[in-house]
Amino acid sequence: MRWNNVEEIVDGLEENYSEIELDDLSLTDLEDMVKSLSDFEDHETIVTKKLLNDILEAWLEYREEI
C-alpha cells in the first residue's frame, strides 16, 4: 500500500485503530499510524498535509457510513 491508496489506508486504519477518536487526531499521529500499517510500503515518500487531510476526511466519511 502506498500514500495514494487512500481507500486501502482507511480500511487498514479502521481495522487497527477503530477505538481512536478522530476529532482529537493530529496529522502527525495520523502519519505515524499509516506508516505503522503492516501492508504500508511507502515510507520514503514525504507526505503532504493535504494528503493527510484527505485521508482523515475519507476516514471520517467511512465512520459516518457505518
C-alpha atoms as a PDB file:
ATOM      1  CA  MET A   1       0.000   0.000   0.000  1.00  0.00           C
ATOM      2  CA  ARG A   2       1.210   3.487  -0.864  1.00  0.00           C
ATOM      3  CA  TRP A   3       0.142   7.020   0.101  1.00  0.00           C
ATOM      4  CA  ASN A   4      -2.137   7.334  -2.919  1.00  0.00           C
ATOM      5  CA  ASN A   5      -4.150   4.236  -1.879  1.00  0.00           C
ATOM      6  CA  VAL A   6      -6.477   6.262   0.341  1.00  0.00           C
ATOM      7  CA  GLU A   7      -9.285   3.676   0.499  1.00  0.00           C
ATOM      8  CA  GLU A   8      -6.882   0.881   1.459  1.00  0.00           C
ATOM      9  CA  ILE A   9      -5.274   3.129   4.065  1.00  0.00           C
ATOM     10  CA  VAL A  10      -8.657   3.982   5.577  1.00  0.00           C
ATOM     11  CA  ASP A  11      -9.588   0.288   5.704  1.00  0.00           C
ATOM     12  CA  GLY A  12      -6.311  -0.506   7.456  1.00  0.00           C
ATOM     13  CA  LEU A  13      -6.659   2.367   9.884  1.00  0.00           C
ATOM     14  CA  GLU A  14     -10.199   1.384  10.823  1.00  0.00           C
ATOM     15  CA  GLU A  15      -9.168  -2.246  11.238  1.00  0.00           C
ATOM     16  CA  ASN A  16      -6.243  -1.361  13.512  1.00  0.00           C
ATOM     17  CA  TYR A  17      -7.371   1.855  15.203  1.00  0.00           C
ATOM     18  CA  SER A  18     -11.164   1.694  15.438  1.00  0.00           C
ATOM     19  CA  GLU A  19     -11.028   2.978  19.032  1.00  0.00           C
ATOM     20  CA  ILE A  20      -9.321   6.267  18.054  1.00  0.00           C
ATOM     21  CA  GLU A  21     -11.369   9.451  18.360  1.00  0.00           C
ATOM     22  CA  LEU A  22     -10.786  11.153  15.016  1.00  0.00           C
ATOM     23  CA  ASP A  23     -11.733  14.625  16.264  1.00  0.00           C
ATOM     24  CA  ASP A  24      -8.663  14.619  18.509  1.00  0.00           C
ATOM     25  CA  LEU A  25      -6.231  13.113  15.994  1.00  0.00           C
ATOM     26  CA  SER A  26      -3.260  15.200  14.884  1.00  0.00           C
ATOM     27  CA  LEU A  27      -1.882  14.877  11.371  1.00  0.00           C
ATOM     28  CA  THR A  28       1.468  13.800  12.821  1.00  0.00           C
ATOM     29  CA  ASP A  29      -0.217  10.971  14.696  1.00  0.00           C
ATOM     30  CA  LEU A  30      -2.166  10.028  11.573  1.00  0.00           C
ATOM     31  CA  GLU A  31       1.050   9.853   9.556  1.00  0.00           C
ATOM     32  CA  ASP A  32       2.636   7.600  12.194  1.00  0.00           C
ATOM     33  CA  MET A  33      -0.440   5.361  12.239  1.00  0.00           C
ATOM     34  CA  VAL A  34      -0.413   4.964   8.451  1.00  0.00           C
ATOM     35  CA  LYS A  35       3.290   4.135   8.478  1.00  0.00           C
ATOM     36  CA  SER A  36       2.669   1.504  11.153  1.00  0.00           C
ATOM     37  CA  LEU A  37       0.208  -0.442   8.981  1.00  0.00           C
ATOM     38  CA  SER A  38       1.662  -3.834   8.096  1.00  0.00           C
ATOM     39  CA  ASP A  39       0.951  -3.516   4.344  1.00  0.00           C
ATOM     40  CA  PHE A  40       2.298   0.037   4.052  1.00  0.00           C
ATOM     41  CA  GLU A  41       5.400   0.243   1.830  1.00  0.00           C
ATOM     42  CA  ASP A  42       5.807   3.951   1.015  1.00  0.00           C
ATOM     43  CA  HIS A  43       7.950   5.018   3.994  1.00  0.00           C
ATOM     44  CA  GLU A  44      10.476   7.031   1.984  1.00  0.00           C
ATOM     45  CA  THR A  45       7.933   9.337   0.348  1.00  0.00           C
ATOM     46  CA  ILE A  46       7.323  12.685   2.016  1.00  0.00           C
ATOM     47  CA  VAL A  47       3.601  13.052   2.556  1.00  0.00           C
ATOM     48  CA  THR A  48       1.814  16.394   2.247  1.00  0.00           C
ATOM     49  CA  LYS A  49      -0.534  17.961   4.752  1.00  0.00           C
ATOM     50  CA  LYS A  50      -3.216  17.961   2.054  1.00  0.00           C
ATOM     51  CA  LEU A  51      -2.953  14.210   1.547  1.00  0.00           C
ATOM     52  CA  LEU A  52      -3.102  13.580   5.294  1.00  0.00           C
ATOM     53  CA  ASN A  53      -6.211  15.765   5.468  1.00  0.00           C
ATOM     54  CA  ASP A  54      -7.708  13.814   2.552  1.00  0.00           C
ATOM     55  CA  ILE A  55      -7.061  10.532   4.381  1.00  0.00           C
ATOM     56  CA  LEU A  56      -8.570  11.881   7.585  1.00  0.00           C
ATOM     57  CA  GLU A  57     -11.642  13.159   5.746  1.00  0.00           C
ATOM     58  CA  ALA A  58     -12.082   9.804   3.983  1.00  0.00           C
ATOM     59  CA  TRP A  59     -11.802   8.044   7.346  1.00  0.00           C
ATOM     60  CA  LEU A  60     -14.423  10.367   8.858  1.00  0.00           C
ATOM     61  CA  GLU A  61     -16.739   9.675   5.914  1.00  0.00           C
ATOM     62  CA  TYR A  62     -16.182   5.943   6.338  1.00  0.00           C
ATOM     63  CA  ARG A  63     -17.160   6.178  10.005  1.00  0.00           C
ATOM     64  CA  GLU A  64     -20.324   8.114   9.137  1.00  0.00           C
ATOM     65  CA  GLU A  65     -21.393   5.308   6.784  1.00  0.00           C
ATOM     66  CA  ILE A  66     -21.074   2.503   9.333  1.00  0.00           C
END
